Protein backbone atom coordinates (compact mmCIF):
# COMPACT_ATOMS: atom_id res chain seq x y z
CA UNK A 1 -28.92 -11.54 -105.58
CA UNK A 2 -26.13 -9.10 -106.51
CA UNK A 3 -23.96 -8.35 -103.89
CA UNK A 4 -20.33 -7.12 -104.36
CA UNK A 5 -20.10 -6.85 -107.69
CA UNK A 6 -22.72 -7.11 -110.81
CA UNK A 7 -20.94 -10.32 -112.19
CA UNK A 8 -20.81 -11.93 -108.57
CA UNK A 9 -23.54 -14.41 -107.18
CA UNK A 10 -23.20 -15.54 -103.45
CA UNK A 11 -23.67 -15.28 -99.89
CA UNK A 12 -25.18 -12.14 -98.32
CA UNK A 13 -24.67 -11.38 -94.54
CA UNK A 14 -26.40 -8.36 -93.35
CA UNK A 15 -26.06 -7.20 -89.60
CA UNK A 16 -28.95 -7.02 -87.65
CA UNK A 17 -30.29 -5.88 -84.01
CA UNK A 18 -29.43 -8.87 -81.79
CA UNK A 19 -31.63 -9.99 -79.33
CA UNK A 20 -29.79 -11.18 -76.21
CA UNK A 21 -30.35 -11.61 -72.39
CA UNK A 22 -29.41 -9.00 -70.38
CA UNK A 23 -27.08 -11.28 -67.76
CA UNK A 24 -28.26 -9.10 -64.64
CA UNK A 25 -31.85 -10.87 -65.23
CA UNK A 26 -31.12 -14.20 -65.55
CA UNK A 27 -29.46 -16.56 -62.90
CA UNK A 28 -26.61 -17.05 -65.86
CA UNK A 29 -26.38 -17.21 -69.57
CA UNK A 30 -25.44 -20.65 -69.64
CA UNK A 31 -28.99 -21.87 -67.80
CA UNK A 32 -30.53 -20.10 -70.08
CA UNK A 33 -29.35 -21.64 -73.31
CA UNK A 34 -30.74 -24.63 -75.24
CA UNK A 35 -29.33 -27.03 -77.89
CA UNK A 36 -31.64 -26.51 -80.93
CA UNK A 37 -35.23 -27.68 -80.77
CA UNK A 38 -35.10 -30.77 -82.77
CA UNK A 39 -31.96 -31.91 -80.20
CA UNK A 40 -34.27 -31.62 -77.29
CA UNK A 41 -36.17 -34.96 -77.59
CA UNK A 42 -36.84 -36.47 -74.35
CA UNK A 43 -38.98 -34.75 -72.07
CA UNK A 44 -36.34 -35.58 -68.93
CA UNK A 45 -34.25 -32.91 -71.26
CA UNK A 46 -37.05 -30.36 -71.68
CA UNK A 47 -37.97 -30.60 -67.84
CA UNK A 48 -34.27 -30.13 -66.83
CA UNK A 49 -34.03 -27.00 -69.33
CA UNK A 50 -37.14 -25.34 -67.85
CA UNK A 51 -35.86 -25.98 -64.49
CA UNK A 52 -32.48 -24.72 -64.96
CA UNK A 53 -34.34 -21.04 -65.44
CA UNK A 54 -37.65 -19.42 -65.50
CA UNK A 55 -36.30 -17.48 -68.69
CA UNK A 56 -34.32 -20.77 -70.14
CA UNK A 57 -34.81 -20.18 -73.97
CA UNK A 58 -36.50 -24.13 -74.67
CA UNK A 59 -39.63 -21.96 -73.13
CA UNK A 60 -39.93 -20.13 -76.30
CA UNK A 61 -38.55 -22.61 -79.08
CA UNK A 62 -40.57 -25.57 -77.36
CA UNK A 63 -43.56 -23.90 -75.44
CA UNK A 64 -45.54 -26.25 -73.49
CA UNK A 65 -49.68 -26.24 -74.11
CA UNK A 66 -52.92 -28.23 -75.03
CA UNK A 67 -52.69 -27.44 -79.02
CA UNK A 68 -50.36 -26.01 -81.54
CA UNK A 69 -52.22 -22.50 -81.67
CA UNK A 70 -51.74 -22.31 -77.99
CA UNK A 71 -48.01 -22.95 -77.69
CA UNK A 72 -47.28 -20.64 -80.40
CA UNK A 73 -49.34 -17.86 -78.63
CA UNK A 74 -47.87 -18.70 -75.10
CA UNK A 75 -44.31 -18.31 -76.93
CA UNK A 76 -44.77 -15.26 -78.40
CA UNK A 77 -46.46 -13.44 -75.02
CA UNK A 78 -43.80 -14.83 -73.40
CA UNK A 79 -41.00 -13.36 -75.58
CA UNK A 80 -43.25 -9.84 -75.61
CA UNK A 81 -43.19 -10.34 -71.59
CA UNK A 82 -39.70 -10.42 -71.20
CA UNK A 83 -38.92 -7.83 -73.47
CA UNK A 84 -41.06 -5.57 -71.32
CA UNK A 85 -39.36 -6.87 -68.29
CA UNK A 86 -35.83 -6.32 -69.74
CA UNK A 87 -35.13 -9.95 -69.35
CA UNK A 88 -34.36 -9.67 -73.01
CA UNK A 89 -33.48 -6.61 -74.98
CA UNK A 90 -31.75 -5.41 -78.45
CA UNK A 91 -28.75 -4.50 -79.30
CA UNK A 92 -28.28 -0.26 -79.45
CA UNK A 93 -27.47 -0.77 -83.20
CA UNK A 94 -27.29 -3.68 -86.30
CA UNK A 95 -24.27 -5.75 -85.70
CA UNK A 96 -22.94 -8.81 -87.41
CA UNK A 97 -21.45 -11.55 -84.49
CA UNK A 98 -18.63 -13.36 -84.50
CA UNK A 99 -19.09 -16.33 -82.23
CA UNK A 100 -16.85 -18.93 -80.97
CA UNK A 101 -17.21 -22.40 -79.62
CA UNK A 102 -14.26 -24.01 -78.00
CA UNK A 103 -13.94 -26.96 -75.64
CA UNK A 104 -10.48 -29.11 -75.22
CA UNK A 105 -10.49 -30.81 -78.40
CA UNK A 106 -12.28 -28.35 -80.60
CA UNK A 107 -12.25 -24.54 -81.52
CA UNK A 108 -14.87 -23.10 -83.84
CA UNK A 109 -15.30 -19.59 -84.66
CA UNK A 110 -18.05 -18.23 -87.53
CA UNK A 111 -20.43 -15.69 -88.24
CA UNK A 112 -23.78 -15.13 -87.13
CA UNK A 113 -25.98 -12.35 -89.08
CA UNK A 114 -28.85 -12.20 -91.42
CA UNK A 115 -28.49 -14.06 -94.75
CA UNK A 116 -30.56 -13.21 -97.77
CA UNK A 117 -32.83 -16.17 -98.59
CA UNK A 118 -32.50 -17.87 -101.98
CA UNK A 119 -33.75 -20.89 -103.51
CA UNK A 120 -31.87 -24.51 -103.98
CA UNK A 121 -31.98 -23.48 -107.70
CA UNK A 122 -29.62 -20.56 -107.08
CA UNK A 123 -27.13 -22.66 -105.93
CA UNK A 124 -26.13 -19.96 -103.60
CA UNK A 125 -27.37 -21.86 -100.57
CA UNK A 126 -27.27 -25.95 -101.05
CA UNK A 127 -29.34 -28.17 -99.06
CA UNK A 128 -28.62 -32.04 -98.66
CA UNK A 129 -31.60 -33.37 -97.02
CA UNK A 130 -34.87 -33.56 -97.26
CA UNK A 131 -37.56 -32.28 -94.98
CA UNK A 132 -41.27 -33.39 -93.28
CA UNK A 133 -43.90 -30.94 -94.14
CA UNK A 134 -45.22 -31.18 -90.93
CA UNK A 135 -42.56 -29.86 -89.02
CA UNK A 136 -41.79 -26.76 -91.26
CA UNK A 137 -45.78 -25.94 -90.95
CA UNK A 138 -45.11 -25.81 -87.35
CA UNK A 139 -42.08 -24.22 -87.11
CA UNK A 140 -43.56 -21.46 -89.48
CA UNK A 141 -46.87 -20.92 -87.24
CA UNK A 142 -44.53 -20.43 -84.22
CA UNK A 143 -41.65 -18.23 -86.23
CA UNK A 144 -45.16 -16.13 -87.81
CA UNK A 145 -46.67 -15.64 -84.88
CA UNK A 146 -43.42 -14.70 -82.73
CA UNK A 147 -42.07 -12.56 -85.41
CA UNK A 148 -38.72 -13.50 -84.59
CA UNK A 149 -35.86 -16.05 -85.12
CA UNK A 150 -34.72 -17.54 -82.72
CA UNK A 151 -32.16 -20.35 -83.50
CA UNK A 152 -29.49 -19.67 -85.74
CA UNK A 153 -28.92 -22.24 -88.41
CA UNK A 154 -25.51 -23.82 -88.95
CA UNK A 155 -24.08 -23.17 -92.49
CA UNK A 156 -20.50 -23.91 -94.01
CA UNK A 157 -18.52 -22.65 -96.85
CA UNK A 158 -14.81 -24.05 -97.85
CA UNK A 159 -12.36 -21.17 -98.28
CA UNK A 160 -8.92 -20.64 -99.92
CA UNK A 161 -7.48 -21.28 -96.34
CA UNK A 162 -5.97 -17.61 -96.57
CA UNK A 163 -6.22 -15.39 -93.36
CA UNK A 164 -8.17 -12.36 -95.07
CA UNK A 165 -11.64 -11.13 -95.70
CA UNK A 166 -13.59 -12.90 -93.23
CA UNK A 167 -11.01 -15.01 -92.33
CA UNK A 168 -8.48 -11.97 -91.24
CA UNK A 169 -12.25 -10.06 -89.42
CA UNK A 170 -12.71 -12.99 -87.36
CA UNK A 171 -9.26 -13.33 -85.85
CA UNK A 172 -8.70 -9.70 -85.52
CA UNK A 173 -12.24 -9.81 -83.62
CA UNK A 174 -11.57 -12.76 -81.55
CA UNK A 175 -8.56 -10.57 -80.07
CA UNK A 176 -10.87 -7.96 -78.68
CA UNK A 177 -12.92 -8.47 -75.20
CA UNK A 178 -16.20 -10.36 -76.07
CA UNK A 179 -19.68 -9.00 -75.63
CA UNK A 180 -20.68 -12.18 -74.06
CA UNK A 181 -19.21 -15.31 -72.18
CA UNK A 182 -20.12 -18.68 -70.96
CA UNK A 183 -19.43 -22.02 -70.44
CA UNK A 184 -22.75 -24.44 -70.64
CA UNK A 185 -22.78 -27.64 -69.05
CA UNK A 186 -21.67 -29.52 -71.98
CA UNK A 187 -18.22 -28.20 -71.53
CA UNK A 188 -18.27 -25.71 -74.52
CA UNK A 189 -16.90 -22.45 -73.88
CA UNK A 190 -19.05 -19.56 -75.58
CA UNK A 191 -17.73 -16.08 -76.74
CA UNK A 192 -19.76 -13.32 -78.90
CA UNK A 193 -18.38 -10.63 -80.48
CA UNK A 194 -19.95 -7.45 -82.57
CA UNK A 195 -18.74 -6.52 -85.62
CA UNK A 196 -19.48 -2.66 -86.59
CA UNK A 197 -16.37 -1.24 -88.20
CA UNK A 198 -17.68 -0.45 -91.83
CA UNK A 199 -14.51 -1.53 -93.36
CA UNK A 200 -14.51 -5.07 -91.78
CA UNK A 201 -18.24 -5.70 -92.77
CA UNK A 202 -17.04 -4.45 -96.32
CA UNK A 203 -14.27 -7.02 -96.42
CA UNK A 204 -16.92 -9.64 -94.64
CA UNK A 205 -18.96 -8.81 -97.67
CA UNK A 206 -16.64 -8.59 -100.41
CA UNK A 207 -15.58 -12.44 -99.38
CA UNK A 208 -18.29 -13.99 -98.44
CA UNK A 209 -19.91 -12.92 -102.29
CA UNK A 210 -17.89 -15.45 -103.87
CA UNK A 211 -19.06 -18.87 -101.86
CA UNK A 212 -21.63 -20.83 -101.41
CA UNK A 213 -23.02 -22.71 -98.53
CA UNK A 214 -23.94 -26.00 -97.47
CA UNK A 215 -27.07 -26.57 -94.96
CA UNK A 216 -24.97 -28.61 -92.15
CA UNK A 217 -27.82 -28.03 -89.45
CA UNK A 218 -31.49 -26.75 -89.68
CA UNK A 219 -33.25 -27.74 -93.17
CA UNK A 220 -36.28 -27.31 -91.55
CA UNK A 221 -35.87 -24.25 -90.34
CA UNK A 222 -34.57 -23.13 -93.75
CA UNK A 223 -37.42 -24.21 -95.49
CA UNK A 224 -39.69 -22.51 -93.07
CA UNK A 225 -37.76 -19.09 -93.77
CA UNK A 226 -38.64 -19.46 -97.45
CA UNK A 227 -42.31 -20.93 -97.06
CA UNK A 228 -42.41 -17.74 -94.75
CA UNK A 229 -40.44 -15.12 -97.19
CA UNK A 230 -43.17 -16.57 -100.43
CA UNK A 231 -46.16 -15.40 -98.05
CA UNK A 232 -44.70 -11.55 -98.03
CA UNK A 233 -45.94 -9.06 -100.50
CA UNK A 234 -43.27 -6.83 -100.56
CA UNK A 235 -39.46 -6.79 -99.74
CA UNK A 236 -38.76 -6.98 -96.03
CA UNK A 237 -37.10 -8.82 -93.13
CA UNK A 238 -38.61 -11.85 -93.88
CA UNK A 239 -36.32 -11.60 -97.15
CA UNK A 240 -33.51 -12.80 -94.69
CA UNK A 241 -32.89 -15.81 -92.18
CA UNK A 242 -30.45 -15.96 -88.90
CA UNK A 243 -27.59 -18.33 -89.78
CA UNK A 244 -24.54 -18.72 -88.03
CA UNK A 245 -21.64 -19.33 -91.09
CA UNK A 246 -18.76 -21.92 -90.40
CA UNK A 247 -15.53 -21.23 -93.09
CA UNK A 248 -14.71 -25.72 -92.55
CA UNK A 249 -11.42 -24.96 -94.26
CA UNK A 250 -10.32 -23.33 -91.37
CA UNK A 251 -12.63 -24.83 -88.41
CA UNK A 252 -13.71 -28.82 -90.06
CA UNK A 253 -17.14 -29.67 -88.43
CA UNK A 254 -17.70 -32.95 -86.91
CA UNK A 255 -20.25 -35.15 -88.64
CA UNK A 256 -22.44 -37.58 -86.63
CA UNK A 257 -25.21 -39.99 -87.36
CA UNK A 258 -29.20 -39.70 -86.49
CA UNK A 259 -30.63 -42.56 -85.11
CA UNK A 260 -33.59 -44.15 -85.28
CA UNK A 261 -36.17 -45.08 -82.80
CA UNK A 262 -39.20 -47.40 -84.23
CA UNK A 263 -41.95 -46.99 -81.80
CA UNK A 264 -44.10 -50.00 -82.66
CA UNK A 265 -41.07 -52.56 -83.68
CA UNK A 266 -39.61 -54.87 -81.13
CA UNK A 267 -36.48 -56.32 -81.89
CA UNK A 268 -37.17 -59.66 -81.80
CA UNK A 269 -39.85 -58.90 -84.95
CA UNK A 270 -37.21 -56.59 -86.43
CA UNK A 271 -34.77 -59.21 -86.70
CA UNK A 272 -36.95 -61.85 -87.90
CA UNK A 273 -38.23 -59.65 -91.02
CA UNK A 274 -34.45 -59.03 -92.15
CA UNK A 275 -33.56 -63.03 -91.48
CA UNK A 276 -32.46 -63.97 -94.96
CA UNK A 277 -32.16 -60.38 -96.06
CA UNK A 278 -29.09 -59.10 -94.67
CA UNK A 279 -26.37 -61.01 -92.24
CA UNK A 280 -27.78 -60.74 -88.55
CA UNK A 281 -24.82 -61.10 -85.86
CA UNK A 282 -25.37 -60.89 -82.22
CA UNK A 283 -21.97 -58.59 -80.84
CA UNK A 284 -20.63 -57.51 -77.38
CA UNK A 285 -21.35 -54.82 -75.60
CA UNK A 286 -21.21 -52.65 -73.56
CA UNK A 287 -22.53 -49.64 -76.49
CA UNK A 288 -18.81 -48.34 -77.27
CA UNK A 289 -17.62 -51.76 -77.96
CA UNK A 290 -20.92 -52.68 -79.97
CA UNK A 291 -20.32 -49.01 -82.12
CA UNK A 292 -16.67 -50.59 -82.76
CA UNK A 293 -18.44 -53.22 -84.55
CA UNK A 294 -20.88 -51.02 -86.62
CA UNK A 295 -17.79 -48.94 -87.59
CA UNK A 296 -15.95 -51.83 -89.03
CA UNK A 297 -18.79 -53.18 -90.57
CA UNK A 298 -19.57 -49.90 -92.14
CA UNK A 299 -16.24 -49.43 -94.08
CA UNK A 300 -17.21 -52.43 -96.09
CA UNK A 301 -20.77 -51.52 -96.98
CA UNK A 302 -23.96 -50.95 -95.45
CA UNK A 303 -24.66 -51.70 -91.75
CA UNK A 304 -27.06 -50.90 -88.62
CA UNK A 305 -26.66 -51.68 -85.20
CA UNK A 306 -30.01 -52.79 -83.79
CA UNK A 307 -30.43 -52.18 -79.98
CA UNK A 308 -33.74 -52.43 -77.40
CA UNK A 309 -33.33 -55.49 -76.09
CA UNK A 310 -30.46 -55.41 -73.84
CA UNK A 311 -28.19 -56.82 -76.55
CA UNK A 312 -26.50 -55.45 -79.73
CA UNK A 313 -27.36 -56.77 -83.34
CA UNK A 314 -25.35 -55.95 -86.39
CA UNK A 315 -27.05 -56.04 -89.77
CA UNK A 316 -24.96 -55.57 -92.59
CA UNK A 317 -24.48 -57.12 -96.38
CA UNK A 318 -27.74 -56.56 -97.97
CA UNK A 319 -29.21 -58.80 -100.45
CA UNK A 320 -28.18 -57.40 -103.77
CA UNK A 321 -31.78 -58.24 -105.30
CA UNK A 322 -33.08 -56.54 -102.23
CA UNK A 323 -31.42 -53.18 -103.02
CA UNK A 324 -32.10 -53.71 -106.83
CA UNK A 325 -36.06 -54.01 -106.14
CA UNK A 326 -36.32 -51.20 -103.66
CA UNK A 327 -33.43 -48.27 -104.71
CA UNK A 328 -34.47 -45.63 -107.12
CA UNK A 329 -32.00 -45.76 -110.31
CA UNK A 330 -32.49 -42.35 -110.88
CA UNK A 331 -29.77 -40.96 -108.37
CA UNK A 332 -26.03 -40.97 -107.98
CA UNK A 333 -24.43 -44.13 -107.02
CA UNK A 334 -23.19 -42.12 -103.84
CA UNK A 335 -26.69 -41.54 -103.26
CA UNK A 336 -27.94 -45.23 -103.61
CA UNK A 337 -25.24 -46.51 -101.23
CA UNK A 338 -26.07 -44.42 -98.80
CA UNK A 339 -27.20 -46.17 -95.39
CA UNK A 340 -29.88 -43.65 -95.12
CA UNK A 341 -31.38 -44.79 -98.28
CA UNK A 342 -31.01 -48.36 -97.81
CA UNK A 343 -32.67 -47.86 -94.21
CA UNK A 344 -35.52 -46.18 -95.50
CA UNK A 345 -36.27 -47.44 -99.30
CA UNK A 346 -35.73 -50.95 -98.12
CA UNK A 347 -35.63 -51.33 -94.44
CA UNK A 348 -38.40 -49.08 -93.47
CA UNK A 349 -40.39 -48.78 -96.60
CA UNK A 350 -40.32 -52.79 -97.38
CA UNK A 351 -38.85 -55.00 -94.77
CA UNK A 352 -40.84 -53.58 -92.16
CA UNK A 353 -43.28 -51.08 -93.58
CA UNK A 354 -43.03 -48.43 -91.00
CA UNK A 355 -44.39 -45.28 -92.14
CA UNK A 356 -41.98 -42.00 -91.62
CA UNK A 357 -44.13 -40.16 -89.21
CA UNK A 358 -43.89 -39.01 -85.77
CA UNK A 359 -46.12 -41.44 -83.95
CA UNK A 360 -44.13 -43.98 -85.84
CA UNK A 361 -40.33 -43.01 -86.13
CA UNK A 362 -38.19 -40.61 -83.66
CA UNK A 363 -35.21 -39.16 -84.63
CA UNK A 364 -32.46 -39.11 -82.06
CA UNK A 365 -28.95 -37.60 -81.86
CA UNK A 366 -27.60 -39.08 -78.62
CA UNK A 367 -26.78 -43.04 -78.84
CA UNK A 368 -27.30 -43.73 -75.30
CA UNK A 369 -30.67 -42.07 -75.38
CA UNK A 370 -31.55 -43.83 -78.47
CA UNK A 371 -31.04 -46.89 -76.73
CA UNK A 372 -32.31 -46.42 -73.39
CA UNK A 373 -35.72 -45.08 -74.77
CA UNK A 374 -35.78 -48.26 -76.78
CA UNK A 375 -35.58 -50.69 -73.96
CA UNK A 376 -38.06 -48.50 -72.15
CA UNK A 377 -40.46 -48.96 -74.64
CA UNK A 378 -39.70 -52.27 -75.99
CA UNK A 379 -39.14 -50.71 -79.25
CA UNK A 380 -36.13 -50.66 -81.60
CA UNK A 381 -33.15 -48.63 -81.74
CA UNK A 382 -31.17 -48.10 -85.29
CA UNK A 383 -27.85 -46.89 -84.67
CA UNK A 384 -26.27 -45.44 -87.65
CA UNK A 385 -23.01 -44.81 -88.61
CA UNK A 386 -22.23 -41.04 -89.89
CA UNK A 387 -21.43 -39.95 -93.45
CA UNK A 388 -18.51 -38.22 -94.83
CA UNK A 389 -18.98 -34.75 -95.12
CA UNK A 390 -17.39 -34.62 -98.89
CA UNK A 391 -20.21 -37.04 -99.41
CA UNK A 392 -22.75 -35.03 -98.27
CA UNK A 393 -21.37 -31.61 -100.09
CA UNK A 394 -20.44 -33.53 -103.35
CA UNK A 395 -24.21 -34.65 -103.51
CA UNK A 396 -25.64 -31.14 -102.43
CA UNK A 397 -23.55 -29.96 -105.33
CA UNK A 398 -25.36 -32.03 -107.58
CA UNK A 399 -28.92 -31.32 -106.50
CA UNK A 400 -29.55 -34.42 -104.70
CA UNK A 401 -30.77 -34.43 -101.16
CA UNK A 402 -30.31 -36.79 -98.63
CA UNK A 403 -33.07 -38.90 -96.86
CA UNK A 404 -34.01 -36.48 -93.95
CA UNK A 405 -32.54 -36.58 -90.89
CA UNK A 406 -29.27 -38.28 -92.68
CA UNK A 407 -26.45 -36.38 -90.77
CA UNK A 408 -25.75 -34.35 -87.65
CA UNK A 409 -23.24 -31.48 -88.21
CA UNK A 410 -21.42 -30.01 -84.96
CA UNK A 411 -20.78 -28.49 -82.44
CA UNK A 412 -23.82 -26.64 -83.04
CA UNK A 413 -24.82 -22.95 -81.91
CA UNK A 414 -26.17 -22.98 -78.62
CA UNK A 415 -29.90 -21.57 -78.87
CA UNK A 416 -30.44 -18.10 -77.11
CA UNK A 417 -27.16 -16.41 -76.94
CA UNK A 418 -28.47 -14.41 -79.94
CA UNK A 419 -31.98 -14.21 -81.61
CA UNK A 420 -33.07 -11.82 -84.20
CA UNK A 421 -36.38 -9.93 -84.09
CA UNK A 422 -38.40 -9.55 -86.96
CA UNK A 423 -40.26 -6.37 -86.20
CA UNK A 424 -37.03 -4.14 -84.63
CA UNK A 425 -35.28 -2.47 -87.53
């Protein structure tokens, strides 16, 4: 993929006519936004968003109907209706966007645009997690039916820290009046600006052509983009995907764990099965105190916190013979010692024998939600310790993917502030 020069292979971000809510047609911009689709996991969270505003974006990213086909068609009809009614409208001209998220502790800025797609083998966009085929298939059918990208992926790249190129454009742009400004209920303040000056776009293009990106959040959507691109018979809008690019030298992301909900496994049975294979200790609550115990144990090796029976159980120090028998040896040491690798290869596959399917395992970002659901269902929540970003990036550069749902980078872009139609030039 050539960008600004014949010898440069890197990121190519192009402008597009963003679809945005018309503020006068909705209760508030905050009320129509949502977290990414895979973070909205609880029915009460879905219902809360649906009731926040009749035009909340969750009706497009997680439509509700009896069958998958009906859900996808309903979402497409809803988007067409909102466009016809003027609830959502395209910006007048193609643009790149500067997007800012800020709270009392974090300032994150990045660029939203349509990124040229490339396979992992090209080394331009690096995935770091495996994906589940059924989720990719569902997202592909939704995007195919709607002819739209509704949620920007979160991609990161490290710059040299100099305030030039894309970084300089972002700083200058953030000094201007924004296109929109809103504060969501999680306390984050969001602002969006348009970059329309040709010289600034060239500065961004030239800078990004020198970089590769890591997929921080959105592996399933990226895999979906690639699948839909392969279906096309001629170049066109499907060769690009909606992304947010963040320079983590200037704006480091937070890395959190994604927890597992083992729906059919009570805590007592889970603990009985690991007895003799791991060290098992009951630790005192409340949850923050138990998580501190997990952090301490994780500093010494693989460790997990099990919950769901009203208590907290620290499981660590796996039997070396178990690891030797269950962990692949054709991967780097950093991969073999990941908590997610040990969890999936040793515990889920071998000890507990739980299939990695949605009816058996739920993936939950929020720690309290994982514990609450486990207690309500009589299930087991496996609480994880986060992986360091440098480990993630190093493995990705080696072409090694981590077990699915190993990390949660953030803050994630709010869904609903800017979307991309594949039918509007």
